[in-house]
Amino acid sequence: MIFRGALILAVSMGIALISFHTASAQVKLPVVIPAVLPETQPEAKCLTPLEARLIQEGFVNVRTLDPALMVDLKYAKTDNFMGANVYGDFNCAYLRPEAALKLAEASRIIRSRYPHLRILVADALRPRSIQDKMWKLVVNTPRQRYVANPASGSMHNFGAAVDVTLYDITAGKPLDMGTPIDHFGPLAQPALETGYLLSGLLSESHLINRAILRNAMCDAGWHSLRIEWWHFDAFPTEHVRQTYTIIE
């Protein structure tokens, strides 16, 4: 189904009504939003200027569709390859409505298969201004291949990609995937996993954990990336570039 038009959120008594206009009909999906969000996932008390603009342009905070989704933006803190918080006080995950629905479906799949696991979002929509900062740190280095040139844009810049991992709520920590998110090296590449398993650099549990994540995301309609286990695109690249515009 191809969604067209705007997403409408009408919140009353904890119920959000999500309305899409398709090519032939209007589709309405009720989503329950709890009055109190989990303490481990505090929402901003007021909207940042960026959030206000995103909402005005029709983007969706993914946790309004599924509060079970966890969010800990990698680039809103210093524990990343840049060693800097490049997002400032922006700490929520936004996507285009169609992509947000796919992520909510992936979350449902994970919870149905593994009740103790949750999807943890480390990055979602990323304005091109942030992409430019990242590009300047890697251009003309071996890590350049892992960061899209802002001139053409990353799928994150269109609001059509996510970086995700899995969080074990019983253990109180993310699953071990063999590398952290934004590990720019061959150990992070799904295409090379079997070889690194044979060499002992990745374990069987690393590959199982990655497969759990990858299977749920792909079953929900996401597309995996051959060089990063954590990155997924909501749609084929050509479709995104022909259909959407970059968020500056």
C-alpha atoms as a PDB file:
ATOM      1  CA  MET A   1       0.000   0.000   0.000  1.00  0.00           C
ATOM      2  CA  ILE A   2       1.389   3.389  -0.958  1.00  0.00           C
ATOM      3  CA  PHE A   3       0.625   6.092   1.607  1.00  0.00           C
ATOM      4  CA  ARG A   4      -0.031   9.600   0.408  1.00  0.00           C
ATOM      5  CA  GLY A   5      -0.850  12.803   2.208  1.00  0.00           C
ATOM      6  CA  ALA A   6      -0.380  13.724   5.836  1.00  0.00           C
ATOM      7  CA  LEU A   7      -0.461  11.846   9.107  1.00  0.00           C
ATOM      8  CA  ILE A   8      -2.928  13.209  11.622  1.00  0.00           C
ATOM      9  CA  LEU A   9      -2.504  12.648  15.341  1.00  0.00           C
ATOM     10  CA  ALA A  10      -5.516  13.424  17.533  1.00  0.00           C
ATOM     11  CA  VAL A  11      -4.741  12.530  21.122  1.00  0.00           C
ATOM     12  CA  SER A  12      -7.635  12.125  23.528  1.00  0.00           C
ATOM     13  CA  MET A  13      -7.717  10.024  26.685  1.00  0.00           C
ATOM     14  CA  GLY A  14      -4.436   8.418  25.699  1.00  0.00           C
ATOM     15  CA  ILE A  15      -5.590   7.334  22.236  1.00  0.00           C
ATOM     16  CA  ALA A  16      -3.938   8.580  19.050  1.00  0.00           C
ATOM     17  CA  LEU A  17      -5.865   8.281  15.797  1.00  0.00           C
ATOM     18  CA  ILE A  18      -3.500   7.934  12.872  1.00  0.00           C
ATOM     19  CA  SER A  19      -5.137   8.731   9.561  1.00  0.00           C
ATOM     20  CA  PHE A  20      -3.585   8.132   6.138  1.00  0.00           C
ATOM     21  CA  HIS A  21      -5.054   8.959   2.753  1.00  0.00           C
ATOM     22  CA  THR A  22      -4.152   6.221   0.299  1.00  0.00           C
ATOM     23  CA  ALA A  23      -4.711   6.144  -3.418  1.00  0.00           C
ATOM     24  CA  SER A  24      -8.240   4.780  -2.944  1.00  0.00           C
ATOM     25  CA  ALA A  25      -9.312   5.234   0.660  1.00  0.00           C
ATOM     26  CA  GLN A  26      -8.614   6.694   4.062  1.00  0.00           C
ATOM     27  CA  VAL A  27      -7.003   4.371   6.592  1.00  0.00           C
ATOM     28  CA  LYS A  28      -7.318   5.039  10.319  1.00  0.00           C
ATOM     29  CA  LEU A  29      -5.226   3.208  12.890  1.00  0.00           C
ATOM     30  CA  PRO A  30      -5.797   3.655  16.660  1.00  0.00           C
ATOM     31  CA  VAL A  31      -2.637   3.671  18.742  1.00  0.00           C
ATOM     32  CA  VAL A  32      -2.655   3.615  22.538  1.00  0.00           C
ATOM     33  CA  ILE A  33      -0.302   6.103  24.176  1.00  0.00           C
ATOM     34  CA  PRO A  34       0.180   5.537  27.913  1.00  0.00           C
ATOM     35  CA  ALA A  35      -0.326   8.524  30.193  1.00  0.00           C
ATOM     36  CA  VAL A  36       3.084   7.955  31.757  1.00  0.00           C
ATOM     37  CA  LEU A  37       6.024   6.882  29.614  1.00  0.00           C
ATOM     38  CA  PRO A  38       8.654   4.485  31.017  1.00  0.00           C
ATOM     39  CA  GLU A  39      11.125   6.238  33.275  1.00  0.00           C
ATOM     40  CA  THR A  40      13.991   4.804  31.245  1.00  0.00           C
ATOM     41  CA  GLN A  41      12.755   6.712  28.186  1.00  0.00           C
ATOM     42  CA  PRO A  42      11.975  10.283  29.278  1.00  0.00           C
ATOM     43  CA  GLU A  43      10.517  12.535  26.618  1.00  0.00           C
ATOM     44  CA  ALA A  44      11.547  16.150  26.238  1.00  0.00           C
ATOM     45  CA  LYS A  45       9.309  18.440  28.310  1.00  0.00           C
ATOM     46  CA  CYS A  46       9.111  20.933  25.475  1.00  0.00           C
ATOM     47  CA  LEU A  47       9.805  20.723  21.776  1.00  0.00           C
ATOM     48  CA  THR A  48      13.141  21.825  20.395  1.00  0.00           C
ATOM     49  CA  PRO A  49      12.971  24.109  17.334  1.00  0.00           C
ATOM     50  CA  LEU A  50      14.027  21.160  15.167  1.00  0.00           C
ATOM     51  CA  GLU A  51      11.269  18.935  16.571  1.00  0.00           C
ATOM     52  CA  ALA A  52       8.641  21.616  16.057  1.00  0.00           C
ATOM     53  CA  ARG A  53       9.703  21.955  12.427  1.00  0.00           C
ATOM     54  CA  LEU A  54       9.699  18.194  11.864  1.00  0.00           C
ATOM     55  CA  ILE A  55       6.207  17.810  13.298  1.00  0.00           C
ATOM     56  CA  GLN A  56       4.956  20.693  11.169  1.00  0.00           C
ATOM     57  CA  GLU A  57       6.381  18.950   8.098  1.00  0.00           C
ATOM     58  CA  GLY A  58       4.612  15.685   8.948  1.00  0.00           C
ATOM     59  CA  PHE A  59       7.359  13.608  10.542  1.00  0.00           C
ATOM     60  CA  VAL A  60       6.545  11.247  13.411  1.00  0.00           C
ATOM     61  CA  ASN A  61       8.193  10.693  16.784  1.00  0.00           C
ATOM     62  CA  VAL A  62       8.416   6.889  16.674  1.00  0.00           C
ATOM     63  CA  ARG A  63       7.546   6.478  20.340  1.00  0.00           C
ATOM     64  CA  THR A  64       4.090   7.956  19.763  1.00  0.00           C
ATOM     65  CA  LEU A  65       3.372   4.892  17.629  1.00  0.00           C
ATOM     66  CA  ASP A  66       4.991   2.387  19.992  1.00  0.00           C
ATOM     67  CA  PRO A  67       6.209   3.422  23.462  1.00  0.00           C
ATOM     68  CA  ALA A  68       7.983   0.056  23.722  1.00  0.00           C
ATOM     69  CA  LEU A  69      10.587   1.422  21.308  1.00  0.00           C
ATOM     70  CA  MET A  70      13.630   2.670  23.189  1.00  0.00           C
ATOM     71  CA  VAL A  71      15.632   5.677  22.019  1.00  0.00           C
ATOM     72  CA  ASP A  72      19.216   6.605  22.848  1.00  0.00           C
ATOM     73  CA  LEU A  73      20.593   8.731  20.031  1.00  0.00           C
ATOM     74  CA  LYS A  74      24.255   7.929  19.440  1.00  0.00           C
ATOM     75  CA  TYR A  75      25.108  11.396  18.174  1.00  0.00           C
ATOM     76  CA  ALA A  76      23.304  13.232  20.969  1.00  0.00           C
ATOM     77  CA  LYS A  77      26.139  12.262  23.336  1.00  0.00           C
ATOM     78  CA  THR A  78      29.913  11.955  23.167  1.00  0.00           C
ATOM     79  CA  ASP A  79      30.138   8.134  22.988  1.00  0.00           C
ATOM     80  CA  ASN A  80      30.528   7.993  19.205  1.00  0.00           C
ATOM     81  CA  PHE A  81      33.231   8.061  16.538  1.00  0.00           C
ATOM     82  CA  MET A  82      33.275  11.869  16.616  1.00  0.00           C
ATOM     83  CA  GLY A  83      33.600  12.100  20.397  1.00  0.00           C
ATOM     84  CA  ALA A  84      31.075  14.932  20.333  1.00  0.00           C
ATOM     85  CA  ASN A  85      27.378  15.628  20.766  1.00  0.00           C
ATOM     86  CA  VAL A  86      26.372  17.000  17.365  1.00  0.00           C
ATOM     87  CA  TYR A  87      22.602  16.940  18.021  1.00  0.00           C
ATOM     88  CA  GLY A  88      22.567  19.360  20.947  1.00  0.00           C
ATOM     89  CA  ASP A  89      19.315  19.006  22.903  1.00  0.00           C
ATOM     90  CA  PHE A  90      17.573  17.029  20.144  1.00  0.00           C
ATOM     91  CA  ASN A  91      17.080  13.541  21.614  1.00  0.00           C
ATOM     92  CA  CYS A  92      14.022  11.996  19.919  1.00  0.00           C
ATOM     93  CA  ALA A  93      13.762   9.657  16.938  1.00  0.00           C
ATOM     94  CA  TYR A  94      11.680  10.987  14.042  1.00  0.00           C
ATOM     95  CA  LEU A  95      10.839   9.290  10.742  1.00  0.00           C
ATOM     96  CA  ARG A  96       8.512   9.727   7.817  1.00  0.00           C
ATOM     97  CA  PRO A  97       5.076   8.243   8.648  1.00  0.00           C
ATOM     98  CA  GLU A  98       5.467   5.205   6.398  1.00  0.00           C
ATOM     99  CA  ALA A  99       8.880   4.396   7.889  1.00  0.00           C
ATOM    100  CA  ALA A 100       7.623   4.962  11.435  1.00  0.00           C
ATOM    101  CA  LEU A 101       4.865   2.401  10.882  1.00  0.00           C
ATOM    102  CA  LYS A 102       7.428  -0.113   9.645  1.00  0.00           C
ATOM    103  CA  LEU A 103       9.542   0.415  12.747  1.00  0.00           C
ATOM    104  CA  ALA A 104       6.512  -0.060  14.995  1.00  0.00           C
ATOM    105  CA  GLU A 105       5.810  -3.316  13.162  1.00  0.00           C
ATOM    106  CA  ALA A 106       9.409  -4.485  13.676  1.00  0.00           C
ATOM    107  CA  SER A 107       9.038  -3.704  17.363  1.00  0.00           C
ATOM    108  CA  ARG A 108       5.841  -5.773  17.512  1.00  0.00           C
ATOM    109  CA  ILE A 109       7.580  -8.681  15.785  1.00  0.00           C
ATOM    110  CA  ILE A 110      10.531  -8.602  18.197  1.00  0.00           C
ATOM    111  CA  ARG A 111       8.296  -8.501  21.273  1.00  0.00           C
ATOM    112  CA  SER A 112       6.136 -11.338  19.980  1.00  0.00           C
ATOM    113  CA  ARG A 113       9.164 -13.551  19.301  1.00  0.00           C
ATOM    114  CA  TYR A 114      11.348 -12.481  22.216  1.00  0.00           C
ATOM    115  CA  PRO A 115       9.293 -10.827  24.998  1.00  0.00           C
ATOM    116  CA  HIS A 116      12.435  -9.783  26.879  1.00  0.00           C
ATOM    117  CA  LEU A 117      13.874  -7.824  23.940  1.00  0.00           C
ATOM    118  CA  ARG A 118      13.191  -4.299  22.726  1.00  0.00           C
ATOM    119  CA  ILE A 119      14.402  -2.344  19.707  1.00  0.00           C
ATOM    120  CA  LEU A 120      16.773   0.438  20.735  1.00  0.00           C
ATOM    121  CA  VAL A 121      17.012   3.299  18.220  1.00  0.00           C
ATOM    122  CA  ALA A 122      20.441   4.909  18.045  1.00  0.00           C
ATOM    123  CA  ASP A 123      19.701   7.194  15.096  1.00  0.00           C
ATOM    124  CA  ALA A 124      16.791   7.985  12.815  1.00  0.00           C
ATOM    125  CA  LEU A 125      16.123  11.184  10.884  1.00  0.00           C
ATOM    126  CA  ARG A 126      19.373  13.134  10.668  1.00  0.00           C
ATOM    127  CA  PRO A 127      19.357  16.654   9.183  1.00  0.00           C
ATOM    128  CA  ARG A 128      21.908  17.272   6.432  1.00  0.00           C
ATOM    129  CA  SER A 129      23.579  19.921   8.587  1.00  0.00           C
ATOM    130  CA  ILE A 130      24.581  17.096  10.962  1.00  0.00           C
ATOM    131  CA  GLN A 131      25.649  14.927   8.035  1.00  0.00           C
ATOM    132  CA  ASP A 132      28.007  17.698   6.949  1.00  0.00           C
ATOM    133  CA  LYS A 133      29.709  17.707  10.357  1.00  0.00           C
ATOM    134  CA  MET A 134      30.203  13.943  10.182  1.00  0.00           C
ATOM    135  CA  TRP A 135      31.513  14.074   6.605  1.00  0.00           C
ATOM    136  CA  LYS A 136      34.182  16.610   7.452  1.00  0.00           C
ATOM    137  CA  LEU A 137      35.575  14.233  10.096  1.00  0.00           C
ATOM    138  CA  VAL A 138      35.951  11.258   7.742  1.00  0.00           C
ATOM    139  CA  VAL A 139      36.563  12.689   4.270  1.00  0.00           C
ATOM    140  CA  ASN A 140      39.832  11.387   2.748  1.00  0.00           C
ATOM    141  CA  THR A 141      40.189   8.770   5.505  1.00  0.00           C
ATOM    142  CA  PRO A 142      39.519   5.002   5.383  1.00  0.00           C
ATOM    143  CA  ARG A 143      36.230   5.658   7.208  1.00  0.00           C
ATOM    144  CA  GLN A 144      34.865   7.838   4.403  1.00  0.00           C
ATOM    145  CA  ARG A 145      33.026   4.858   2.857  1.00  0.00           C
ATOM    146  CA  TYR A 146      30.844   4.585   5.943  1.00  0.00           C
ATOM    147  CA  VAL A 147      29.489   8.158   5.838  1.00  0.00           C
ATOM    148  CA  ALA A 148      27.398   9.432   2.936  1.00  0.00           C
ATOM    149  CA  ASN A 149      28.519  12.612   1.217  1.00  0.00           C
ATOM    150  CA  PRO A 150      26.091  15.361   2.309  1.00  0.00           C
ATOM    151  CA  ALA A 151      26.020  16.649  -1.256  1.00  0.00           C
ATOM    152  CA  SER A 152      23.879  13.676  -2.249  1.00  0.00           C
ATOM    153  CA  GLY A 153      22.645  12.877   1.242  1.00  0.00           C
ATOM    154  CA  SER A 154      22.242   9.816   3.431  1.00  0.00           C
ATOM    155  CA  MET A 155      18.974   7.907   3.741  1.00  0.00           C
ATOM    156  CA  HIS A 156      18.940   9.288   7.297  1.00  0.00           C
ATOM    157  CA  ASN A 157      18.757  12.791   5.810  1.00  0.00           C
ATOM    158  CA  PHE A 158      15.478  11.854   4.114  1.00  0.00           C
ATOM    159  CA  GLY A 159      13.957  10.470   7.317  1.00  0.00           C
ATOM    160  CA  ALA A 160      13.927   6.988   5.788  1.00  0.00           C
ATOM    161  CA  ALA A 161      16.625   5.092   7.716  1.00  0.00           C
ATOM    162  CA  VAL A 162      17.413   3.953  11.237  1.00  0.00           C
ATOM    163  CA  ASP A 163      20.373   2.677  13.217  1.00  0.00           C
ATOM    164  CA  VAL A 164      19.091   0.121  15.707  1.00  0.00           C
ATOM    165  CA  THR A 165      20.171  -2.598  18.091  1.00  0.00           C
ATOM    166  CA  LEU A 166      18.411  -4.837  20.619  1.00  0.00           C
ATOM    167  CA  TYR A 167      18.040  -4.187  24.338  1.00  0.00           C
ATOM    168  CA  ASP A 168      17.504  -6.964  26.885  1.00  0.00           C
ATOM    169  CA  ILE A 169      15.121  -5.538  29.496  1.00  0.00           C
ATOM    170  CA  THR A 170      15.753  -8.517  31.791  1.00  0.00           C
ATOM    171  CA  ALA A 171      19.520  -8.050  31.797  1.00  0.00           C
ATOM    172  CA  GLY A 172      19.215  -4.267  31.647  1.00  0.00           C
ATOM    173  CA  LYS A 173      21.661  -3.823  28.768  1.00  0.00           C
ATOM    174  CA  PRO A 174      21.939  -4.056  24.962  1.00  0.00           C
ATOM    175  CA  LEU A 175      22.716  -7.393  23.354  1.00  0.00           C
ATOM    176  CA  ASP A 176      26.336  -7.969  22.369  1.00  0.00           C
ATOM    177  CA  MET A 177      26.551  -7.653  18.593  1.00  0.00           C
ATOM    178  CA  GLY A 178      30.317  -8.058  18.359  1.00  0.00           C
ATOM    179  CA  THR A 179      30.930  -4.371  17.669  1.00  0.00           C
ATOM    180  CA  PRO A 180      29.306  -1.170  18.890  1.00  0.00           C
ATOM    181  CA  ILE A 181      27.107   0.890  16.611  1.00  0.00           C
ATOM    182  CA  ASP A 182      29.243   3.171  14.399  1.00  0.00           C
ATOM    183  CA  HIS A 183      32.202   0.769  14.460  1.00  0.00           C
ATOM    184  CA  PHE A 184      33.621   1.645  11.064  1.00  0.00           C
ATOM    185  CA  GLY A 185      35.445  -1.559  10.253  1.00  0.00           C
ATOM    186  CA  PRO A 186      34.997  -4.962   8.600  1.00  0.00           C
ATOM    187  CA  LEU A 187      33.774  -6.664  11.794  1.00  0.00           C
ATOM    188  CA  ALA A 188      30.560  -4.657  11.464  1.00  0.00           C
ATOM    189  CA  GLN A 189      29.821  -5.917   7.952  1.00  0.00           C
ATOM    190  CA  PRO A 190      27.084  -8.568   7.682  1.00  0.00           C
ATOM    191  CA  ALA A 191      28.597  -9.739   4.402  1.00  0.00           C
ATOM    192  CA  LEU A 192      31.766 -10.830   6.235  1.00  0.00           C
ATOM    193  CA  GLU A 193      30.196 -12.375   9.342  1.00  0.00           C
ATOM    194  CA  THR A 194      30.726 -16.020   8.414  1.00  0.00           C
ATOM    195  CA  GLY A 195      34.427 -15.516   7.800  1.00  0.00           C
ATOM    196  CA  TYR A 196      34.918 -13.747  11.121  1.00  0.00           C
ATOM    197  CA  LEU A 197      32.984 -16.500  12.877  1.00  0.00           C
ATOM    198  CA  LEU A 198      35.405 -19.082  11.462  1.00  0.00           C
ATOM    199  CA  SER A 199      38.388 -16.972  12.515  1.00  0.00           C
ATOM    200  CA  GLY A 200      37.024 -16.503  16.019  1.00  0.00           C
ATOM    201  CA  LEU A 201      36.760 -12.709  15.832  1.00  0.00           C
ATOM    202  CA  LEU A 202      32.968 -12.980  16.019  1.00  0.00           C
ATOM    203  CA  SER A 203      31.133 -15.556  18.120  1.00  0.00           C
ATOM    204  CA  GLU A 204      28.068 -17.620  17.353  1.00  0.00           C
ATOM    205  CA  SER A 205      26.065 -15.518  19.816  1.00  0.00           C
ATOM    206  CA  HIS A 206      27.093 -12.343  17.966  1.00  0.00           C
ATOM    207  CA  LEU A 207      25.727 -13.743  14.716  1.00  0.00           C
ATOM    208  CA  ILE A 208      22.549 -15.026  16.390  1.00  0.00           C
ATOM    209  CA  ASN A 209      21.872 -11.622  17.955  1.00  0.00           C
ATOM    210  CA  ARG A 210      22.426  -9.876  14.639  1.00  0.00           C
ATOM    211  CA  ALA A 211      20.156 -12.369  12.883  1.00  0.00           C
ATOM    212  CA  ILE A 212      17.346 -11.790  15.408  1.00  0.00           C
ATOM    213  CA  LEU A 213      17.493  -8.062  14.702  1.00  0.00           C
ATOM    214  CA  ARG A 214      17.915  -8.415  10.946  1.00  0.00           C
ATOM    215  CA  ASN A 215      15.088 -10.940  10.563  1.00  0.00           C
ATOM    216  CA  ALA A 216      12.592  -8.801  12.483  1.00  0.00           C
ATOM    217  CA  MET A 217      13.508  -5.632  10.607  1.00  0.00           C
ATOM    218  CA  CYS A 218      13.386  -7.300   7.193  1.00  0.00           C
ATOM    219  CA  ASP A 219      10.114  -9.055   8.022  1.00  0.00           C
ATOM    220  CA  ALA A 220       8.682  -5.587   8.754  1.00  0.00           C
ATOM    221  CA  GLY A 221       9.786  -4.345   5.324  1.00  0.00           C
ATOM    222  CA  TRP A 222      13.161  -2.785   6.093  1.00  0.00           C
ATOM    223  CA  HIS A 223      16.262  -3.247   3.915  1.00  0.00           C
ATOM    224  CA  SER A 224      19.579  -4.176   5.527  1.00  0.00           C
ATOM    225  CA  LEU A 225      22.969  -2.739   4.592  1.00  0.00           C
ATOM    226  CA  ARG A 226      25.888  -5.010   3.706  1.00  0.00           C
ATOM    227  CA  ILE A 227      28.505  -2.958   5.563  1.00  0.00           C
ATOM    228  CA  GLU A 228      26.688  -2.064   8.825  1.00  0.00           C
ATOM    229  CA  TRP A 229      24.696  -4.546  10.908  1.00  0.00           C
ATOM    230  CA  TRP A 230      22.775  -1.732  12.631  1.00  0.00           C
ATOM    231  CA  HIS A 231      21.635   0.261   9.577  1.00  0.00           C
ATOM    232  CA  PHE A 232      18.303  -0.308   7.828  1.00  0.00           C
ATOM    233  CA  ASP A 233      16.549   1.619   5.050  1.00  0.00           C
ATOM    234  CA  ALA A 234      12.769   1.821   4.942  1.00  0.00           C
ATOM    235  CA  PHE A 235      12.676   1.830   1.132  1.00  0.00           C
ATOM    236  CA  PRO A 236      15.006   1.239  -1.827  1.00  0.00           C
ATOM    237  CA  THR A 237      17.417   4.123  -2.352  1.00  0.00           C
ATOM    238  CA  GLU A 238      16.066   5.055  -5.788  1.00  0.00           C
ATOM    239  CA  HIS A 239      12.506   5.286  -4.432  1.00  0.00           C
ATOM    240  CA  VAL A 240      13.606   7.545  -1.578  1.00  0.00           C
ATOM    241  CA  ARG A 241      15.497   9.938  -3.842  1.00  0.00           C
ATOM    242  CA  GLN A 242      12.627  10.146  -6.321  1.00  0.00           C
ATOM    243  CA  THR A 243       9.886  10.522  -3.706  1.00  0.00           C
ATOM    244  CA  TYR A 244      11.250  12.540  -0.796  1.00  0.00           C
ATOM    245  CA  THR A 245      13.360  15.591  -0.132  1.00  0.00           C
ATOM    246  CA  ILE A 246      16.335  15.989   2.185  1.00  0.00           C
ATOM    247  CA  ILE A 247      15.822  17.611   5.588  1.00  0.00           C
ATOM    248  CA  GLU A 248      18.323  20.413   5.934  1.00  0.00           C
END
